[in-house]
N, C-alpha and C. Protein backbone atom coordinates (compact mmCIF):
# COMPACT_ATOMS: atom_id res chain seq x y z
N GLN A 1 7.08 -17.18 -5.04
CA GLN A 1 7.08 -15.89 -5.72
C GLN A 1 6.58 -14.81 -4.75
N VAL A 2 7.32 -13.73 -4.68
CA VAL A 2 6.94 -12.63 -3.79
C VAL A 2 5.74 -11.90 -4.37
N GLN A 3 4.78 -11.61 -3.52
CA GLN A 3 3.61 -10.87 -3.98
C GLN A 3 3.16 -9.88 -2.91
N LEU A 4 2.89 -8.66 -3.35
CA LEU A 4 2.34 -7.63 -2.47
C LEU A 4 1.02 -7.19 -3.08
N VAL A 5 -0.04 -7.25 -2.29
CA VAL A 5 -1.36 -6.90 -2.78
C VAL A 5 -1.97 -5.83 -1.89
N GLU A 6 -2.25 -4.68 -2.51
CA GLU A 6 -2.84 -3.57 -1.78
C GLU A 6 -4.36 -3.64 -1.85
N SER A 7 -4.99 -3.07 -0.83
CA SER A 7 -6.45 -2.98 -0.81
C SER A 7 -6.85 -1.73 -0.03
N GLY A 8 -8.11 -1.35 -0.20
CA GLY A 8 -8.64 -0.23 0.56
C GLY A 8 -8.79 1.06 -0.20
N GLY A 9 -8.39 1.06 -1.46
CA GLY A 9 -8.52 2.28 -2.26
C GLY A 9 -9.97 2.55 -2.63
N GLY A 10 -10.18 3.66 -3.29
CA GLY A 10 -11.53 4.02 -3.70
C GLY A 10 -11.71 5.52 -3.65
N LEU A 11 -12.96 5.91 -3.54
CA LEU A 11 -13.30 7.34 -3.52
C LEU A 11 -13.38 7.83 -2.08
N VAL A 12 -12.68 8.91 -1.81
CA VAL A 12 -12.67 9.49 -0.47
C VAL A 12 -12.99 10.98 -0.59
N GLN A 13 -13.80 11.48 0.28
CA GLN A 13 -14.11 12.91 0.27
C GLN A 13 -12.97 13.70 0.91
N ALA A 14 -12.72 14.85 0.35
CA ALA A 14 -11.72 15.73 0.94
C ALA A 14 -12.06 15.98 2.40
N GLY A 15 -11.03 15.90 3.24
CA GLY A 15 -11.25 16.07 4.66
C GLY A 15 -11.47 14.76 5.40
N GLY A 16 -11.73 13.72 4.63
CA GLY A 16 -11.94 12.41 5.22
C GLY A 16 -10.63 11.66 5.41
N SER A 17 -10.74 10.36 5.64
CA SER A 17 -9.56 9.52 5.88
C SER A 17 -9.48 8.40 4.86
N LEU A 18 -8.26 8.05 4.48
CA LEU A 18 -8.06 6.86 3.66
C LEU A 18 -7.30 5.83 4.48
N ARG A 19 -7.69 4.59 4.29
CA ARG A 19 -7.07 3.48 5.01
C ARG A 19 -6.71 2.40 3.99
N LEU A 20 -5.44 2.14 3.89
CA LEU A 20 -4.95 1.16 2.94
C LEU A 20 -4.25 0.02 3.66
N SER A 21 -4.29 -1.14 3.05
CA SER A 21 -3.62 -2.29 3.62
C SER A 21 -2.85 -3.02 2.53
N CYS A 22 -1.74 -3.61 2.89
CA CYS A 22 -0.91 -4.37 1.95
C CYS A 22 -0.61 -5.72 2.56
N ALA A 23 -0.94 -6.77 1.84
CA ALA A 23 -0.67 -8.13 2.30
C ALA A 23 0.50 -8.70 1.50
N ALA A 24 1.49 -9.20 2.20
CA ALA A 24 2.67 -9.78 1.56
C ALA A 24 2.60 -11.29 1.63
N SER A 25 2.98 -11.92 0.55
CA SER A 25 3.00 -13.38 0.53
C SER A 25 4.20 -13.85 -0.29
N GLY A 26 4.50 -15.11 -0.16
CA GLY A 26 5.63 -15.66 -0.90
C GLY A 26 6.83 -15.84 -0.01
N ARG A 27 7.05 -14.90 0.87
CA ARG A 27 8.08 -15.03 1.88
C ARG A 27 7.81 -14.00 2.96
N THR A 28 8.49 -14.12 4.05
CA THR A 28 8.30 -13.17 5.14
C THR A 28 9.14 -11.92 4.91
N PHE A 29 8.60 -10.78 5.32
CA PHE A 29 9.32 -9.52 5.23
C PHE A 29 9.65 -8.99 6.61
N ASP A 30 9.72 -9.91 7.56
CA ASP A 30 9.96 -9.51 8.95
C ASP A 30 11.17 -8.61 9.10
N HIS A 31 12.21 -8.83 8.30
CA HIS A 31 13.46 -8.10 8.48
C HIS A 31 13.70 -7.07 7.39
N HIS A 32 12.63 -6.70 6.71
CA HIS A 32 12.72 -5.69 5.65
C HIS A 32 11.90 -4.46 6.04
N PHE A 33 12.44 -3.28 5.78
CA PHE A 33 11.60 -2.11 5.97
C PHE A 33 10.58 -2.04 4.83
N MET A 34 9.44 -1.48 5.12
CA MET A 34 8.34 -1.45 4.16
C MET A 34 7.80 -0.03 4.03
N GLY A 35 7.29 0.27 2.85
CA GLY A 35 6.85 1.64 2.63
C GLY A 35 5.68 1.76 1.70
N TRP A 36 5.21 2.99 1.57
CA TRP A 36 4.13 3.34 0.65
C TRP A 36 4.59 4.52 -0.20
N PHE A 37 4.29 4.41 -1.49
CA PHE A 37 4.54 5.48 -2.44
C PHE A 37 3.25 5.80 -3.16
N ARG A 38 3.18 7.00 -3.70
CA ARG A 38 2.02 7.42 -4.50
C ARG A 38 2.48 7.76 -5.91
N GLN A 39 1.72 7.27 -6.88
CA GLN A 39 2.03 7.50 -8.30
C GLN A 39 0.86 8.19 -8.97
N GLU A 40 1.13 9.31 -9.62
CA GLU A 40 0.09 9.97 -10.42
C GLU A 40 0.53 9.98 -11.88
N PRO A 41 -0.42 9.91 -12.79
CA PRO A 41 -0.08 9.88 -14.23
C PRO A 41 0.81 11.05 -14.63
N GLY A 42 1.91 10.75 -15.30
CA GLY A 42 2.78 11.80 -15.78
C GLY A 42 3.70 12.39 -14.73
N LYS A 43 3.64 11.87 -13.53
CA LYS A 43 4.49 12.40 -12.46
C LYS A 43 5.40 11.32 -11.91
N GLU A 44 6.45 11.72 -11.26
CA GLU A 44 7.35 10.76 -10.62
C GLU A 44 6.68 10.14 -9.40
N ARG A 45 7.07 8.92 -9.14
CA ARG A 45 6.60 8.24 -7.94
C ARG A 45 7.04 9.04 -6.72
N GLU A 46 6.14 9.19 -5.76
CA GLU A 46 6.39 10.04 -4.61
C GLU A 46 6.35 9.25 -3.31
N PHE A 47 7.38 9.40 -2.50
CA PHE A 47 7.43 8.73 -1.21
C PHE A 47 6.34 9.26 -0.30
N VAL A 48 5.69 8.36 0.46
CA VAL A 48 4.67 8.76 1.42
C VAL A 48 5.09 8.42 2.85
N ALA A 49 5.46 7.15 3.07
CA ALA A 49 5.79 6.73 4.44
C ALA A 49 6.62 5.45 4.40
N VAL A 50 7.42 5.24 5.44
CA VAL A 50 8.20 4.01 5.57
C VAL A 50 8.23 3.61 7.04
N ILE A 51 8.29 2.29 7.27
CA ILE A 51 8.40 1.78 8.63
C ILE A 51 9.59 0.84 8.69
N SER A 52 10.36 0.93 9.76
CA SER A 52 11.56 0.10 9.90
C SER A 52 11.21 -1.37 10.00
N TRP A 53 12.21 -2.23 9.80
CA TRP A 53 11.95 -3.65 9.84
C TRP A 53 11.49 -4.09 11.22
N SER A 54 11.92 -3.39 12.27
CA SER A 54 11.49 -3.73 13.62
C SER A 54 10.11 -3.15 13.93
N GLY A 55 9.71 -2.16 13.16
CA GLY A 55 8.45 -1.48 13.44
C GLY A 55 8.58 -0.34 14.44
N ALA A 56 9.79 -0.13 14.94
CA ALA A 56 9.99 0.87 15.98
C ALA A 56 10.08 2.29 15.46
N ARG A 57 10.46 2.43 14.18
CA ARG A 57 10.65 3.78 13.62
C ARG A 57 9.82 3.96 12.36
N THR A 58 9.31 5.18 12.23
CA THR A 58 8.54 5.54 11.04
C THR A 58 9.03 6.88 10.52
N THR A 59 8.93 7.05 9.20
CA THR A 59 9.30 8.32 8.57
C THR A 59 8.20 8.67 7.57
N TYR A 60 7.84 9.95 7.54
CA TYR A 60 6.76 10.38 6.65
C TYR A 60 7.22 11.53 5.76
N ALA A 61 6.59 11.61 4.60
CA ALA A 61 6.81 12.77 3.74
C ALA A 61 6.28 14.00 4.48
N ASN A 62 6.90 15.14 4.23
CA ASN A 62 6.47 16.36 4.91
C ASN A 62 4.99 16.66 4.65
N SER A 63 4.53 16.30 3.45
CA SER A 63 3.16 16.63 3.08
C SER A 63 2.12 15.89 3.91
N VAL A 64 2.49 14.75 4.51
CA VAL A 64 1.51 13.97 5.28
C VAL A 64 1.86 13.91 6.76
N LYS A 65 2.99 14.48 7.14
CA LYS A 65 3.43 14.41 8.53
C LYS A 65 2.36 14.99 9.45
N GLY A 66 2.06 14.28 10.51
CA GLY A 66 1.03 14.72 11.45
C GLY A 66 -0.36 14.23 11.10
N ARG A 67 -0.51 13.73 9.85
CA ARG A 67 -1.83 13.24 9.42
C ARG A 67 -1.80 11.76 9.07
N ALA A 68 -0.62 11.18 8.95
CA ALA A 68 -0.50 9.81 8.47
C ALA A 68 0.05 8.88 9.55
N THR A 69 -0.34 7.62 9.44
CA THR A 69 0.19 6.58 10.32
C THR A 69 0.46 5.34 9.50
N ILE A 70 1.69 4.85 9.56
CA ILE A 70 2.03 3.58 8.92
C ILE A 70 2.28 2.57 10.03
N SER A 71 1.80 1.36 9.85
CA SER A 71 1.97 0.33 10.86
C SER A 71 2.15 -1.01 10.17
N ARG A 72 2.70 -1.97 10.90
CA ARG A 72 2.88 -3.30 10.34
C ARG A 72 2.52 -4.36 11.37
N ASP A 73 2.09 -5.50 10.84
CA ASP A 73 1.75 -6.65 11.67
C ASP A 73 2.57 -7.83 11.15
N LYS A 74 3.58 -8.21 11.90
CA LYS A 74 4.48 -9.26 11.43
C LYS A 74 3.82 -10.62 11.43
N PHE A 75 2.85 -10.82 12.27
CA PHE A 75 2.15 -12.11 12.30
C PHE A 75 1.31 -12.29 11.04
N LYS A 76 0.70 -11.18 10.61
CA LYS A 76 -0.15 -11.24 9.42
C LYS A 76 0.64 -10.92 8.15
N ASN A 77 1.87 -10.43 8.30
CA ASN A 77 2.69 -10.03 7.16
C ASN A 77 1.99 -8.93 6.35
N THR A 78 1.52 -7.93 7.08
CA THR A 78 0.81 -6.82 6.45
C THR A 78 1.41 -5.48 6.88
N VAL A 79 1.20 -4.48 6.05
CA VAL A 79 1.56 -3.11 6.41
C VAL A 79 0.40 -2.21 6.01
N ASP A 80 0.00 -1.33 6.89
CA ASP A 80 -1.16 -0.47 6.68
C ASP A 80 -0.75 1.00 6.66
N LEU A 81 -1.59 1.78 5.97
CA LEU A 81 -1.37 3.22 5.92
C LEU A 81 -2.70 3.91 6.12
N GLN A 82 -2.73 4.88 7.02
CA GLN A 82 -3.90 5.72 7.20
C GLN A 82 -3.47 7.17 7.06
N ILE A 83 -4.23 7.93 6.30
CA ILE A 83 -3.99 9.37 6.17
C ILE A 83 -5.31 10.08 6.47
N ASN A 84 -5.27 10.99 7.40
CA ASN A 84 -6.45 11.76 7.77
C ASN A 84 -6.45 13.12 7.06
N SER A 85 -7.60 13.72 7.04
CA SER A 85 -7.76 15.06 6.44
C SER A 85 -7.16 15.12 5.05
N VAL A 86 -7.53 14.17 4.21
CA VAL A 86 -6.94 14.10 2.86
C VAL A 86 -7.44 15.26 2.00
N ASN A 87 -6.65 15.57 0.97
CA ASN A 87 -7.02 16.61 0.02
C ASN A 87 -6.90 16.07 -1.40
N PRO A 88 -7.51 16.72 -2.38
CA PRO A 88 -7.54 16.20 -3.76
C PRO A 88 -6.15 15.98 -4.35
N GLU A 89 -5.14 16.71 -3.88
CA GLU A 89 -3.78 16.52 -4.40
C GLU A 89 -3.20 15.16 -4.01
N GLU A 90 -3.88 14.47 -3.13
CA GLU A 90 -3.41 13.15 -2.71
C GLU A 90 -4.07 12.02 -3.49
N THR A 91 -4.74 12.37 -4.54
CA THR A 91 -5.27 11.38 -5.47
C THR A 91 -4.12 10.69 -6.19
N GLY A 92 -4.23 9.38 -6.36
CA GLY A 92 -3.19 8.66 -7.08
C GLY A 92 -3.28 7.16 -6.82
N VAL A 93 -2.33 6.45 -7.39
CA VAL A 93 -2.22 5.01 -7.14
C VAL A 93 -1.20 4.82 -6.02
N TYR A 94 -1.63 4.20 -4.95
CA TYR A 94 -0.77 3.98 -3.79
C TYR A 94 -0.19 2.57 -3.87
N CYS A 95 1.13 2.51 -3.81
CA CYS A 95 1.83 1.23 -3.94
C CYS A 95 2.58 0.88 -2.67
N CYS A 96 2.50 -0.36 -2.33
CA CYS A 96 3.22 -0.92 -1.18
C CYS A 96 4.55 -1.48 -1.69
N THR A 97 5.59 -1.41 -0.87
CA THR A 97 6.89 -1.87 -1.31
C THR A 97 7.75 -2.30 -0.13
N THR A 98 8.75 -3.14 -0.42
CA THR A 98 9.64 -3.60 0.62
C THR A 98 11.10 -3.34 0.22
N SER A 99 11.95 -3.29 1.21
CA SER A 99 13.35 -3.00 0.95
C SER A 99 14.02 -4.13 0.18
N ARG A 100 15.09 -3.78 -0.51
CA ARG A 100 15.86 -4.79 -1.23
C ARG A 100 16.61 -5.69 -0.27
N SER A 101 17.11 -5.11 0.80
CA SER A 101 17.98 -5.86 1.71
C SER A 101 17.35 -5.98 3.10
N PRO A 102 17.57 -7.11 3.76
CA PRO A 102 17.09 -7.26 5.13
C PRO A 102 17.99 -6.51 6.11
N PHE A 103 17.44 -6.18 7.25
CA PHE A 103 18.18 -5.55 8.35
C PHE A 103 18.81 -4.22 7.96
N ALA A 104 18.32 -3.59 6.92
CA ALA A 104 18.87 -2.30 6.50
C ALA A 104 18.14 -1.17 7.20
N PRO A 105 18.84 -0.05 7.48
CA PRO A 105 18.13 1.11 8.02
C PRO A 105 17.17 1.66 6.97
N GLU A 106 16.03 2.12 7.40
CA GLU A 106 15.00 2.53 6.46
C GLU A 106 15.42 3.73 5.63
N GLU A 107 14.99 3.74 4.37
CA GLU A 107 15.28 4.80 3.42
C GLU A 107 13.98 5.30 2.81
N THR A 108 14.06 6.44 2.15
CA THR A 108 12.87 6.99 1.52
C THR A 108 12.96 7.03 -0.01
N GLY A 109 14.12 6.74 -0.56
CA GLY A 109 14.27 6.75 -2.01
C GLY A 109 13.79 5.44 -2.62
N GLY A 110 13.13 5.55 -3.76
CA GLY A 110 12.58 4.37 -4.41
C GLY A 110 13.61 3.32 -4.78
N GLU A 111 14.85 3.75 -4.99
CA GLU A 111 15.89 2.82 -5.41
C GLU A 111 16.26 1.83 -4.33
N TYR A 112 15.85 2.06 -3.08
CA TYR A 112 16.18 1.15 -1.99
C TYR A 112 15.13 0.05 -1.82
N PHE A 113 14.08 0.14 -2.60
CA PHE A 113 13.00 -0.82 -2.49
C PHE A 113 13.03 -1.80 -3.66
N GLY A 114 12.74 -3.08 -3.39
CA GLY A 114 12.88 -4.08 -4.43
C GLY A 114 11.57 -4.65 -4.94
N SER A 115 10.67 -5.03 -4.06
CA SER A 115 9.40 -5.62 -4.47
C SER A 115 8.30 -4.56 -4.37
N TRP A 116 7.45 -4.52 -5.39
CA TRP A 116 6.38 -3.54 -5.44
C TRP A 116 5.05 -4.22 -5.74
N GLY A 117 4.00 -3.71 -5.14
CA GLY A 117 2.66 -4.17 -5.47
C GLY A 117 2.14 -3.43 -6.70
N GLN A 118 1.00 -3.86 -7.20
CA GLN A 118 0.39 -3.22 -8.37
C GLN A 118 -0.23 -1.87 -8.03
N GLY A 119 -0.58 -1.71 -6.78
CA GLY A 119 -1.14 -0.44 -6.33
C GLY A 119 -2.65 -0.47 -6.23
N THR A 120 -3.16 0.47 -5.46
CA THR A 120 -4.61 0.64 -5.33
C THR A 120 -4.94 2.11 -5.58
N GLN A 121 -5.96 2.34 -6.40
CA GLN A 121 -6.31 3.69 -6.80
C GLN A 121 -7.10 4.40 -5.69
N VAL A 122 -6.67 5.61 -5.39
CA VAL A 122 -7.40 6.46 -4.44
C VAL A 122 -7.76 7.75 -5.16
N ILE A 123 -9.02 8.12 -5.09
CA ILE A 123 -9.48 9.38 -5.66
C ILE A 123 -10.07 10.21 -4.53
N VAL A 124 -9.51 11.37 -4.32
CA VAL A 124 -10.02 12.27 -3.28
C VAL A 124 -10.84 13.34 -3.98
N SER A 125 -12.12 13.35 -3.68
CA SER A 125 -13.01 14.31 -4.33
C SER A 125 -13.16 15.57 -3.48
N SER A 126 -13.25 16.70 -4.18
CA SER A 126 -13.36 17.98 -3.46
C SER A 126 -14.81 18.34 -3.21
């Protein structure tokens, strides 16, 4: 059974950094692009970052570009996200996800992702 488990959420002060990690189990995601989305109550799920299956390419939402880094470790089957200089608008549940298909070019729309974690809550205090 495929499982994605996020960790690293919690309370972060505005201006600080958040560091999240996602551990995948059940099968390898070596050939799947992986991403992070943010969900806030009453709002649509929002794309944050994606990394290609090779790890060579990354794409970020405009709101975090220049402040975020997504990375993956294929040996550990993990994908990490760091965002610096966070602001209260970035409060939400951060979910890790993987593409539906292997060897696909990375996408930013939620419909291209198949497996999702439960998410980890991040609260950015002002």
